[in-house]
Amino acid sequence: RPLVSDGTTVQLRVISFEAAGLVPTGTTGVTRRMLQNAVFPKLEGS
């Protein structure tokens, strides 16, 4: 439920770890593999 209502349009995009490549990373330099490892550490051993 909104804590503040002022008409601003906000979107929360929910994805699984397989689709981590869709996330815009700006200038952070983070990669898809890093994001996947953050929520699925077993990928490090693959």
ModelCIF file with pLDDT and N, C-alpha, C, O atoms, coordinates in Angstrom:
data_MODEL
#
_entry.id   MODEL 
#
_entity.id                         1 
_entity.type                       polymer 
_entity.pdbx_number_of_molecules   1 
#
_entity_poly.entity_id                      1 
_entity_poly.type                           'polypeptide(L)' 
_entity_poly.nstd_linkage                   no 
_entity_poly.nstd_monomer                   no 
_entity_poly.pdbx_seq_one_letter_code       RPLVSDGTTVQLRVISFEAAGLVPTGTTGVTRRMLQNAVFPKLEGS 
_entity_poly.pdbx_seq_one_letter_code_can   RPLVSDGTTVQLRVISFEAAGLVPTGTTGVTRRMLQNAVFPKLEGS 
_entity_poly.pdbx_strand_id                 A 
#
loop_
_entity_poly_seq.entity_id 
_entity_poly_seq.num 
_entity_poly_seq.mon_id 
_entity_poly_seq.hetero 
1 1  ARG n 
1 2  PRO n 
1 3  LEU n 
1 4  VAL n 
1 5  SER n 
1 6  ASP n 
1 7  GLY n 
1 8  THR n 
1 9  THR n 
1 10 VAL n 
1 11 GLN n 
1 12 LEU n 
1 13 ARG n 
1 14 VAL n 
1 15 ILE n 
1 16 SER n 
1 17 PHE n 
1 18 GLU n 
1 19 ALA n 
1 20 ALA n 
1 21 GLY n 
1 22 LEU n 
1 23 VAL n 
1 24 PRO n 
1 25 THR n 
1 26 GLY n 
1 27 THR n 
1 28 THR n 
1 29 GLY n 
1 30 VAL n 
1 31 THR n 
1 32 ARG n 
1 33 ARG n 
1 34 MET n 
1 35 LEU n 
1 36 GLN n 
1 37 ASN n 
1 38 ALA n 
1 39 VAL n 
1 40 PHE n 
1 41 PRO n 
1 42 LYS n 
1 43 LEU n 
1 44 GLU n 
1 45 GLY n 
1 46 SER n 
#
_struct_asym.id          A 
_struct_asym.entity_id   1 
#
loop_
_ma_qa_metric.id 
_ma_qa_metric.mode 
_ma_qa_metric.name 
_ma_qa_metric.software_group_id 
_ma_qa_metric.type 
1 global pLDDT . pLDDT 
2 local  pLDDT . pLDDT 
#
_ma_qa_metric_global.metric_id      1 
_ma_qa_metric_global.metric_value   82.80 
_ma_qa_metric_global.model_id       1 
_ma_qa_metric_global.ordinal_id     1 
#
loop_
_ma_qa_metric_local.label_asym_id 
_ma_qa_metric_local.label_comp_id 
_ma_qa_metric_local.label_seq_id 
_ma_qa_metric_local.metric_id 
_ma_qa_metric_local.metric_value 
_ma_qa_metric_local.model_id 
_ma_qa_metric_local.ordinal_id 
A ARG 1  2 84.00 1 1  
A PRO 2  2 84.00 1 2  
A LEU 3  2 79.00 1 3  
A VAL 4  2 77.00 1 4  
A SER 5  2 74.00 1 5  
A ASP 6  2 74.00 1 6  
A GLY 7  2 76.00 1 7  
A THR 8  2 81.00 1 8  
A THR 9  2 86.00 1 9  
A VAL 10 2 90.00 1 10 
A GLN 11 2 92.00 1 11 
A LEU 12 2 93.00 1 12 
A ARG 13 2 93.00 1 13 
A VAL 14 2 93.00 1 14 
A ILE 15 2 93.00 1 15 
A SER 16 2 91.00 1 16 
A PHE 17 2 89.00 1 17 
A GLU 18 2 90.00 1 18 
A ALA 19 2 90.00 1 19 
A ALA 20 2 90.00 1 20 
A GLY 21 2 90.00 1 21 
A LEU 22 2 92.00 1 22 
A VAL 23 2 92.00 1 23 
A PRO 24 2 91.00 1 24 
A THR 25 2 89.00 1 25 
A GLY 26 2 85.00 1 26 
A THR 27 2 84.00 1 27 
A THR 28 2 86.00 1 28 
A GLY 29 2 86.00 1 29 
A VAL 30 2 90.00 1 30 
A THR 31 2 91.00 1 31 
A ARG 32 2 91.00 1 32 
A ARG 33 2 91.00 1 33 
A MET 34 2 91.00 1 34 
A LEU 35 2 92.00 1 35 
A GLN 36 2 91.00 1 36 
A ASN 37 2 91.00 1 37 
A ALA 38 2 91.00 1 38 
A VAL 39 2 91.00 1 39 
A PHE 40 2 83.00 1 40 
A PRO 41 2 64.00 1 41 
A LYS 42 2 59.00 1 42 
A LEU 43 2 45.00 1 43 
A GLU 44 2 44.00 1 44 
A GLY 45 2 45.00 1 45 
A SER 46 2 45.00 1 46 
#
loop_
_atom_site.group_PDB 
_atom_site.id 
_atom_site.type_symbol 
_atom_site.label_atom_id 
_atom_site.label_alt_id 
_atom_site.label_comp_id 
_atom_site.label_asym_id 
_atom_site.label_entity_id 
_atom_site.label_seq_id 
_atom_site.pdbx_PDB_ins_code 
_atom_site.Cartn_x 
_atom_site.Cartn_y 
_atom_site.Cartn_z 
_atom_site.occupancy 
_atom_site.B_iso_or_equiv 
_atom_site.pdbx_formal_charge 
_atom_site.auth_seq_id 
_atom_site.auth_comp_id 
_atom_site.auth_asym_id 
_atom_site.auth_atom_id 
_atom_site.pdbx_PDB_model_num 
ATOM 1   N N  . ARG A 1 1  ? 0.863  -1.174  0.000   1.00 84.00 ? 1  ARG A N  1 
ATOM 2   C CA . ARG A 1 1  ? 0.000  0.000   0.000   1.00 84.00 ? 1  ARG A CA 1 
ATOM 3   C C  . ARG A 1 1  ? 0.905  1.232   0.000   1.00 84.00 ? 1  ARG A C  1 
ATOM 4   O O  . ARG A 1 1  ? 1.942  1.226   0.663   1.00 84.00 ? 1  ARG A O  1 
ATOM 5   N N  . PRO A 1 2  ? 0.539  2.277   -0.722  1.00 84.00 ? 2  PRO A N  1 
ATOM 6   C CA . PRO A 1 2  ? 1.428  3.451   -0.776  1.00 84.00 ? 2  PRO A CA 1 
ATOM 7   C C  . PRO A 1 2  ? 1.521  4.152   0.570   1.00 84.00 ? 2  PRO A C  1 
ATOM 8   O O  . PRO A 1 2  ? 0.514  4.351   1.251   1.00 84.00 ? 2  PRO A O  1 
ATOM 9   N N  . LEU A 1 3  ? 2.731  4.521   0.944   1.00 79.00 ? 3  LEU A N  1 
ATOM 10  C CA . LEU A 1 3  ? 2.944  5.316   2.148   1.00 79.00 ? 3  LEU A CA 1 
ATOM 11  C C  . LEU A 1 3  ? 2.765  6.800   1.866   1.00 79.00 ? 3  LEU A C  1 
ATOM 12  O O  . LEU A 1 3  ? 2.389  7.570   2.750   1.00 79.00 ? 3  LEU A O  1 
ATOM 13  N N  . VAL A 1 4  ? 3.036  7.193   0.630   1.00 77.00 ? 4  VAL A N  1 
ATOM 14  C CA . VAL A 1 4  ? 2.867  8.577   0.175   1.00 77.00 ? 4  VAL A CA 1 
ATOM 15  C C  . VAL A 1 4  ? 2.167  8.528   -1.170  1.00 77.00 ? 4  VAL A C  1 
ATOM 16  O O  . VAL A 1 4  ? 2.567  7.768   -2.051  1.00 77.00 ? 4  VAL A O  1 
ATOM 17  N N  . SER A 1 5  ? 1.122  9.333   -1.339  1.00 74.00 ? 5  SER A N  1 
ATOM 18  C CA . SER A 1 5  ? 0.368  9.362   -2.593  1.00 74.00 ? 5  SER A CA 1 
ATOM 19  C C  . SER A 1 5  ? 0.421  10.767  -3.166  1.00 74.00 ? 5  SER A C  1 
ATOM 20  O O  . SER A 1 5  ? -0.100 11.709  -2.569  1.00 74.00 ? 5  SER A O  1 
ATOM 21  N N  . ASP A 1 6  ? 1.053  10.907  -4.333  1.00 74.00 ? 6  ASP A N  1 
ATOM 22  C CA . ASP A 1 6  ? 1.099  12.209  -5.001  1.00 74.00 ? 6  ASP A CA 1 
ATOM 23  C C  . ASP A 1 6  ? 0.951  12.081  -6.513  1.00 74.00 ? 6  ASP A C  1 
ATOM 24  O O  . ASP A 1 6  ? 1.252  13.023  -7.245  1.00 74.00 ? 6  ASP A O  1 
ATOM 25  N N  . GLY A 1 7  ? 0.491  10.929  -6.985  1.00 76.00 ? 7  GLY A N  1 
ATOM 26  C CA . GLY A 1 7  ? 0.278  10.742  -8.401  1.00 76.00 ? 7  GLY A CA 1 
ATOM 27  C C  . GLY A 1 7  ? 1.496  10.307  -9.188  1.00 76.00 ? 7  GLY A C  1 
ATOM 28  O O  . GLY A 1 7  ? 1.405  10.134  -10.404 1.00 76.00 ? 7  GLY A O  1 
ATOM 29  N N  . THR A 1 8  ? 2.648  10.121  -8.527  1.00 81.00 ? 8  THR A N  1 
ATOM 30  C CA . THR A 1 8  ? 3.850  9.692   -9.220  1.00 81.00 ? 8  THR A CA 1 
ATOM 31  C C  . THR A 1 8  ? 3.721  8.225   -9.639  1.00 81.00 ? 8  THR A C  1 
ATOM 32  O O  . THR A 1 8  ? 3.318  7.378   -8.841  1.00 81.00 ? 8  THR A O  1 
ATOM 33  N N  . THR A 1 9  ? 4.063  7.936   -10.887 1.00 86.00 ? 9  THR A N  1 
ATOM 34  C CA . THR A 1 9  ? 4.010  6.567   -11.398 1.00 86.00 ? 9  THR A CA 1 
ATOM 35  C C  . THR A 1 9  ? 5.303  5.841   -11.066 1.00 86.00 ? 9  THR A C  1 
ATOM 36  O O  . THR A 1 9  ? 6.389  6.267   -11.457 1.00 86.00 ? 9  THR A O  1 
ATOM 37  N N  . VAL A 1 10 ? 5.171  4.753   -10.347 1.00 90.00 ? 10 VAL A N  1 
ATOM 38  C CA . VAL A 1 10 ? 6.312  3.944   -9.930  1.00 90.00 ? 10 VAL A CA 1 
ATOM 39  C C  . VAL A 1 10 ? 6.088  2.522   -10.414 1.00 90.00 ? 10 VAL A C  1 
ATOM 40  O O  . VAL A 1 10 ? 4.950  2.052   -10.452 1.00 90.00 ? 10 VAL A O  1 
ATOM 41  N N  . GLN A 1 11 ? 7.153  1.836   -10.782 1.00 92.00 ? 11 GLN A N  1 
ATOM 42  C CA . GLN A 1 11 ? 7.062  0.451   -11.234 1.00 92.00 ? 11 GLN A CA 1 
ATOM 43  C C  . GLN A 1 11 ? 8.113  -0.394  -10.529 1.00 92.00 ? 11 GLN A C  1 
ATOM 44  O O  . GLN A 1 11 ? 9.288  -0.032  -10.473 1.00 92.00 ? 11 GLN A O  1 
ATOM 45  N N  . LEU A 1 12 ? 7.668  -1.531  -9.991  1.00 93.00 ? 12 LEU A N  1 
ATOM 46  C CA . LEU A 1 12 ? 8.568  -2.522  -9.427  1.00 93.00 ? 12 LEU A CA 1 
ATOM 47  C C  . LEU A 1 12 ? 8.567  -3.723  -10.366 1.00 93.00 ? 12 LEU A C  1 
ATOM 48  O O  . LEU A 1 12 ? 7.566  -4.433  -10.467 1.00 93.00 ? 12 LEU A O  1 
ATOM 49  N N  . ARG A 1 13 ? 9.677  -3.952  -11.049 1.00 93.00 ? 13 ARG A N  1 
ATOM 50  C CA . ARG A 1 13 ? 9.782  -5.028  -12.028 1.00 93.00 ? 13 ARG A CA 1 
ATOM 51  C C  . ARG A 1 13 ? 10.378 -6.254  -11.333 1.00 93.00 ? 13 ARG A C  1 
ATOM 52  O O  . ARG A 1 13 ? 11.528 -6.236  -10.894 1.00 93.00 ? 13 ARG A O  1 
ATOM 53  N N  . VAL A 1 14 ? 9.586  -7.304  -11.242 1.00 93.00 ? 14 VAL A N  1 
ATOM 54  C CA . VAL A 1 14 ? 9.982  -8.515  -10.531 1.00 93.00 ? 14 VAL A CA 1 
ATOM 55  C C  . VAL A 1 14 ? 10.399 -9.563  -11.551 1.00 93.00 ? 14 VAL A C  1 
ATOM 56  O O  . VAL A 1 14 ? 9.637  -9.884  -12.463 1.00 93.00 ? 14 VAL A O  1 
ATOM 57  N N  . ILE A 1 15 ? 11.610 -10.097 -11.401 1.00 93.00 ? 15 ILE A N  1 
ATOM 58  C CA . ILE A 1 15 ? 12.120 -11.108 -12.311 1.00 93.00 ? 15 ILE A CA 1 
ATOM 59  C C  . ILE A 1 15 ? 12.828 -12.191 -11.500 1.00 93.00 ? 15 ILE A C  1 
ATOM 60  O O  . ILE A 1 15 ? 13.172 -11.986 -10.336 1.00 93.00 ? 15 ILE A O  1 
ATOM 61  N N  . SER A 1 16 ? 13.037 -13.338 -12.130 1.00 91.00 ? 16 SER A N  1 
ATOM 62  C CA . SER A 1 16 ? 13.818 -14.402 -11.515 1.00 91.00 ? 16 SER A CA 1 
ATOM 63  C C  . SER A 1 16 ? 15.295 -14.195 -11.842 1.00 91.00 ? 16 SER A C  1 
ATOM 64  O O  . SER A 1 16 ? 15.644 -13.361 -12.678 1.00 91.00 ? 16 SER A O  1 
ATOM 65  N N  . PHE A 1 17 ? 16.155 -14.958 -11.178 1.00 89.00 ? 17 PHE A N  1 
ATOM 66  C CA . PHE A 1 17 ? 17.590 -14.748 -11.354 1.00 89.00 ? 17 PHE A CA 1 
ATOM 67  C C  . PHE A 1 17 ? 18.047 -15.072 -12.773 1.00 89.00 ? 17 PHE A C  1 
ATOM 68  O O  . PHE A 1 17 ? 19.074 -14.560 -13.218 1.00 89.00 ? 17 PHE A O  1 
ATOM 69  N N  . GLU A 1 18 ? 17.298 -15.917 -13.495 1.00 90.00 ? 18 GLU A N  1 
ATOM 70  C CA . GLU A 1 18 ? 17.704 -16.223 -14.867 1.00 90.00 ? 18 GLU A CA 1 
ATOM 71  C C  . GLU A 1 18 ? 17.648 -15.005 -15.775 1.00 90.00 ? 18 GLU A C  1 
ATOM 72  O O  . GLU A 1 18 ? 18.386 -14.932 -16.757 1.00 90.00 ? 18 GLU A O  1 
ATOM 73  N N  . ALA A 1 19 ? 16.777 -14.042 -15.459 1.00 90.00 ? 19 ALA A N  1 
ATOM 74  C CA . ALA A 1 19 ? 16.579 -12.868 -16.314 1.00 90.00 ? 19 ALA A CA 1 
ATOM 75  C C  . ALA A 1 19 ? 17.348 -11.659 -15.808 1.00 90.00 ? 19 ALA A C  1 
ATOM 76  O O  . ALA A 1 19 ? 16.968 -10.526 -16.105 1.00 90.00 ? 19 ALA A O  1 
ATOM 77  N N  . ALA A 1 20 ? 18.415 -11.867 -15.053 1.00 90.00 ? 20 ALA A N  1 
ATOM 78  C CA . ALA A 1 20 ? 19.166 -10.746 -14.479 1.00 90.00 ? 20 ALA A CA 1 
ATOM 79  C C  . ALA A 1 20 ? 19.764 -9.845  -15.552 1.00 90.00 ? 20 ALA A C  1 
ATOM 80  O O  . ALA A 1 20 ? 20.085 -8.688  -15.277 1.00 90.00 ? 20 ALA A O  1 
ATOM 81  N N  . GLY A 1 21 ? 19.917 -10.355 -16.765 1.00 90.00 ? 21 GLY A N  1 
ATOM 82  C CA . GLY A 1 21 ? 20.475 -9.536  -17.830 1.00 90.00 ? 21 GLY A CA 1 
ATOM 83  C C  . GLY A 1 21 ? 19.585 -8.400  -18.271 1.00 90.00 ? 21 GLY A C  1 
ATOM 84  O O  . GLY A 1 21 ? 20.048 -7.505  -18.978 1.00 90.00 ? 21 GLY A O  1 
ATOM 85  N N  . LEU A 1 22 ? 18.307 -8.400  -17.874 1.00 92.00 ? 22 LEU A N  1 
ATOM 86  C CA . LEU A 1 22 ? 17.390 -7.323  -18.251 1.00 92.00 ? 22 LEU A CA 1 
ATOM 87  C C  . LEU A 1 22 ? 17.588 -6.064  -17.415 1.00 92.00 ? 22 LEU A C  1 
ATOM 88  O O  . LEU A 1 22 ? 17.110 -4.995  -17.794 1.00 92.00 ? 22 LEU A O  1 
ATOM 89  N N  . VAL A 1 23 ? 18.275 -6.169  -16.300 1.00 92.00 ? 23 VAL A N  1 
ATOM 90  C CA . VAL A 1 23 ? 18.395 -5.046  -15.373 1.00 92.00 ? 23 VAL A CA 1 
ATOM 91  C C  . VAL A 1 23 ? 19.356 -4.005  -15.941 1.00 92.00 ? 23 VAL A C  1 
ATOM 92  O O  . VAL A 1 23 ? 20.496 -4.343  -16.260 1.00 92.00 ? 23 VAL A O  1 
ATOM 93  N N  . PRO A 1 24 ? 18.922 -2.732  -16.077 1.00 91.00 ? 24 PRO A N  1 
ATOM 94  C CA . PRO A 1 24 ? 19.861 -1.672  -16.482 1.00 91.00 ? 24 PRO A CA 1 
ATOM 95  C C  . PRO A 1 24 ? 20.831 -1.375  -15.349 1.00 91.00 ? 24 PRO A C  1 
ATOM 96  O O  . PRO A 1 24 ? 20.410 -1.137  -14.216 1.00 91.00 ? 24 PRO A O  1 
ATOM 97  N N  . THR A 1 25 ? 22.115 -1.389  -15.643 1.00 89.00 ? 25 THR A N  1 
ATOM 98  C CA . THR A 1 25 ? 23.127 -1.241  -14.602 1.00 89.00 ? 25 THR A CA 1 
ATOM 99  C C  . THR A 1 25 ? 23.807 0.118   -14.598 1.00 89.00 ? 25 THR A C  1 
ATOM 100 O O  . THR A 1 25 ? 24.698 0.350   -13.781 1.00 89.00 ? 25 THR A O  1 
ATOM 101 N N  . GLY A 1 26 ? 23.411 1.028   -15.488 1.00 85.00 ? 26 GLY A N  1 
ATOM 102 C CA . GLY A 1 26 ? 23.989 2.367   -15.483 1.00 85.00 ? 26 GLY A CA 1 
ATOM 103 C C  . GLY A 1 26 ? 25.494 2.333   -15.695 1.00 85.00 ? 26 GLY A C  1 
ATOM 104 O O  . GLY A 1 26 ? 25.986 1.655   -16.597 1.00 85.00 ? 26 GLY A O  1 
ATOM 105 N N  . THR A 1 27 ? 26.219 3.063   -14.866 1.00 84.00 ? 27 THR A N  1 
ATOM 106 C CA . THR A 1 27 ? 27.679 3.129   -14.973 1.00 84.00 ? 27 THR A CA 1 
ATOM 107 C C  . THR A 1 27 ? 28.367 2.315   -13.886 1.00 84.00 ? 27 THR A C  1 
ATOM 108 O O  . THR A 1 27 ? 29.557 2.507   -13.638 1.00 84.00 ? 27 THR A O  1 
ATOM 109 N N  . THR A 1 28 ? 27.637 1.400   -13.224 1.00 86.00 ? 28 THR A N  1 
ATOM 110 C CA . THR A 1 28 ? 28.207 0.651   -12.103 1.00 86.00 ? 28 THR A CA 1 
ATOM 111 C C  . THR A 1 28 ? 29.174 -0.423  -12.557 1.00 86.00 ? 28 THR A C  1 
ATOM 112 O O  . THR A 1 28 ? 30.036 -0.832  -11.779 1.00 86.00 ? 28 THR A O  1 
ATOM 113 N N  . GLY A 1 29 ? 29.061 -0.900  -13.804 1.00 86.00 ? 29 GLY A N  1 
ATOM 114 C CA . GLY A 1 29 ? 29.943 -1.945  -14.290 1.00 86.00 ? 29 GLY A CA 1 
ATOM 115 C C  . GLY A 1 29 ? 29.612 -3.332  -13.802 1.00 86.00 ? 29 GLY A C  1 
ATOM 116 O O  . GLY A 1 29 ? 30.373 -4.267  -14.053 1.00 86.00 ? 29 GLY A O  1 
ATOM 117 N N  . VAL A 1 30 ? 28.494 -3.498  -13.107 1.00 90.00 ? 30 VAL A N  1 
ATOM 118 C CA . VAL A 1 30 ? 28.109 -4.812  -12.612 1.00 90.00 ? 30 VAL A CA 1 
ATOM 119 C C  . VAL A 1 30 ? 27.609 -5.664  -13.777 1.00 90.00 ? 30 VAL A C  1 
ATOM 120 O O  . VAL A 1 30 ? 26.974 -5.146  -14.696 1.00 90.00 ? 30 VAL A O  1 
ATOM 121 N N  . THR A 1 31 ? 27.889 -6.955  -13.745 1.00 91.00 ? 31 THR A N  1 
ATOM 122 C CA . THR A 1 31 ? 27.525 -7.858  -14.827 1.00 91.00 ? 31 THR A CA 1 
ATOM 123 C C  . THR A 1 31 ? 26.373 -8.756  -14.431 1.00 91.00 ? 31 THR A C  1 
ATOM 124 O O  . THR A 1 31 ? 25.997 -8.846  -13.263 1.00 91.00 ? 31 THR A O  1 
ATOM 125 N N  . ARG A 1 32 ? 25.821 -9.420  -15.438 1.00 91.00 ? 32 ARG A N  1 
ATOM 126 C CA . ARG A 1 32 ? 24.732 -10.370 -15.196 1.00 91.00 ? 32 ARG A CA 1 
ATOM 127 C C  . ARG A 1 32 ? 25.182 -11.481 -14.260 1.00 91.00 ? 32 ARG A C  1 
ATOM 128 O O  . ARG A 1 32 ? 24.430 -11.880 -13.371 1.00 91.00 ? 32 ARG A O  1 
ATOM 129 N N  . ARG A 1 33 ? 26.394 -11.986 -14.446 1.00 91.00 ? 33 ARG A N  1 
ATOM 130 C CA . ARG A 1 33 ? 26.896 -13.055 -13.594 1.00 91.00 ? 33 ARG A CA 1 
ATOM 131 C C  . ARG A 1 33 ? 26.987 -12.625 -12.137 1.00 91.00 ? 33 ARG A C  1 
ATOM 132 O O  . ARG A 1 33 ? 26.684 -13.415 -11.243 1.00 91.00 ? 33 ARG A O  1 
ATOM 133 N N  . MET A 1 34 ? 27.398 -11.385 -11.881 1.00 91.00 ? 34 MET A N  1 
ATOM 134 C CA . MET A 1 34 ? 27.488 -10.892 -10.503 1.00 91.00 ? 34 MET A CA 1 
ATOM 135 C C  . MET A 1 34 ? 26.121 -10.856 -9.840  1.00 91.00 ? 34 MET A C  1 
ATOM 136 O O  . MET A 1 34 ? 25.976 -11.241 -8.680  1.00 91.00 ? 34 MET A O  1 
ATOM 137 N N  . LEU A 1 35 ? 25.114 -10.391 -10.581 1.00 92.00 ? 35 LEU A N  1 
ATOM 138 C CA . LEU A 1 35 ? 23.774 -10.325 -10.010 1.00 92.00 ? 35 LEU A CA 1 
ATOM 139 C C  . LEU A 1 35 ? 23.215 -11.718 -9.753  1.00 92.00 ? 35 LEU A C  1 
ATOM 140 O O  . LEU A 1 35 ? 22.543 -11.941 -8.746  1.00 92.00 ? 35 LEU A O  1 
ATOM 141 N N  . GLN A 1 36 ? 23.487 -12.653 -10.651 1.00 91.00 ? 36 GLN A N  1 
ATOM 142 C CA . GLN A 1 36 ? 23.014 -14.012 -10.450 1.00 91.00 ? 36 GLN A CA 1 
ATOM 143 C C  . GLN A 1 36 ? 23.696 -14.659 -9.253  1.00 91.00 ? 36 GLN A C  1 
ATOM 144 O O  . GLN A 1 36 ? 23.049 -15.342 -8.459  1.00 91.00 ? 36 GLN A O  1 
ATOM 145 N N  . ASN A 1 37 ? 25.002 -14.446 -9.125  1.00 91.00 ? 37 ASN A N  1 
ATOM 146 C CA . ASN A 1 37 ? 25.712 -15.014 -7.982  1.00 91.00 ? 37 ASN A CA 1 
ATOM 147 C C  . ASN A 1 37 ? 25.223 -14.441 -6.663  1.00 91.00 ? 37 ASN A C  1 
ATOM 148 O O  . ASN A 1 37 ? 25.296 -15.107 -5.630  1.00 91.00 ? 37 ASN A O  1 
ATOM 149 N N  . ALA A 1 38 ? 24.723 -13.205 -6.689  1.00 91.00 ? 38 ALA A N  1 
ATOM 150 C CA . ALA A 1 38 ? 24.258 -12.577 -5.452  1.00 91.00 ? 38 ALA A CA 1 
ATOM 151 C C  . ALA A 1 38 ? 23.036 -13.275 -4.878  1.00 91.00 ? 38 ALA A C  1 
ATOM 152 O O  . ALA A 1 38 ? 22.834 -13.258 -3.664  1.00 91.00 ? 38 ALA A O  1 
ATOM 153 N N  . VAL A 1 39 ? 22.209 -13.895 -5.732  1.00 91.00 ? 39 VAL A N  1 
ATOM 154 C CA . VAL A 1 39 ? 20.997 -14.564 -5.249  1.00 91.00 ? 39 VAL A CA 1 
ATOM 155 C C  . VAL A 1 39 ? 21.026 -16.068 -5.506  1.00 91.00 ? 39 VAL A C  1 
ATOM 156 O O  . VAL A 1 39 ? 20.120 -16.785 -5.084  1.00 91.00 ? 39 VAL A O  1 
ATOM 157 N N  . PHE A 1 40 ? 22.049 -16.544 -6.187  1.00 83.00 ? 40 PHE A N  1 
ATOM 158 C CA . PHE A 1 40 ? 22.178 -17.965 -6.481  1.00 83.00 ? 40 PHE A CA 1 
ATOM 159 C C  . PHE A 1 40 ? 23.668 -18.306 -6.457  1.00 83.00 ? 40 PHE A C  1 
ATOM 160 O O  . PHE A 1 40 ? 24.279 -18.447 -7.516  1.00 83.00 ? 40 PHE A O  1 
ATOM 161 N N  . PRO A 1 41 ? 24.267 -18.441 -5.262  1.00 64.00 ? 41 PRO A N  1 
ATOM 162 C CA . PRO A 1 41 ? 25.720 -18.602 -5.167  1.00 64.00 ? 41 PRO A CA 1 
ATOM 163 C C  . PRO A 1 41 ? 26.242 -19.864 -5.832  1.00 64.00 ? 41 PRO A C  1 
ATOM 164 O O  . PRO A 1 41 ? 27.431 -19.929 -6.144  1.00 64.00 ? 41 PRO A O  1 
ATOM 165 N N  . LYS A 1 42 ? 25.398 -20.877 -6.063  1.00 59.00 ? 42 LYS A N  1 
ATOM 166 C CA . LYS A 1 42 ? 25.884 -22.117 -6.651  1.00 59.00 ? 42 LYS A CA 1 
ATOM 167 C C  . LYS A 1 42 ? 26.444 -21.906 -8.049  1.00 59.00 ? 42 LYS A C  1 
ATOM 168 O O  . LYS A 1 42 ? 27.225 -22.717 -8.546  1.00 59.00 ? 42 LYS A O  1 
ATOM 169 N N  . LEU A 1 43 ? 26.031 -20.798 -8.682  1.00 45.00 ? 43 LEU A N  1 
ATOM 170 C CA . LEU A 1 43 ? 26.533 -20.540 -10.031 1.00 45.00 ? 43 LEU A CA 1 
ATOM 171 C C  . LEU A 1 43 ? 28.035 -20.290 -10.039 1.00 45.00 ? 43 LEU A C  1 
ATOM 172 O O  . LEU A 1 43 ? 28.678 -20.431 -11.079 1.00 45.00 ? 43 LEU A O  1 
ATOM 173 N N  . GLU A 1 44 ? 28.604 -19.920 -8.887  1.00 44.00 ? 44 GLU A N  1 
ATOM 174 C CA . GLU A 1 44 ? 30.034 -19.658 -8.855  1.00 44.00 ? 44 GLU A CA 1 
ATOM 175 C C  . GLU A 1 44 ? 30.838 -20.921 -9.172  1.00 44.00 ? 44 GLU A C  1 
ATOM 176 O O  . GLU A 1 44 ? 31.899 -20.845 -9.793  1.00 44.00 ? 44 GLU A O  1 
ATOM 177 N N  . GLY A 1 45 ? 30.339 -22.068 -8.751  1.00 45.00 ? 45 GLY A N  1 
ATOM 178 C CA . GLY A 1 45 ? 31.056 -23.310 -8.990  1.00 45.00 ? 45 GLY A CA 1 
ATOM 179 C C  . GLY A 1 45 ? 30.818 -23.894 -10.352 1.00 45.00 ? 45 GLY A C  1 
ATOM 180 O O  . GLY A 1 45 ? 31.448 -24.889 -10.709 1.00 45.00 ? 45 GLY A O  1 
ATOM 181 N N  . SER A 1 46 ? 29.908 -23.296 -11.146 1.00 45.00 ? 46 SER A N  1 
ATOM 182 C CA . SER A 1 46 ? 29.614 -23.844 -12.453 1.00 45.00 ? 46 SER A CA 1 
ATOM 183 C C  . SER A 1 46 ? 30.635 -23.435 -13.507 1.00 45.00 ? 46 SER A C  1 
ATOM 184 O O  . SER A 1 46 ? 30.515 -23.827 -14.668 1.00 45.00 ? 46 SER A O  1 
#
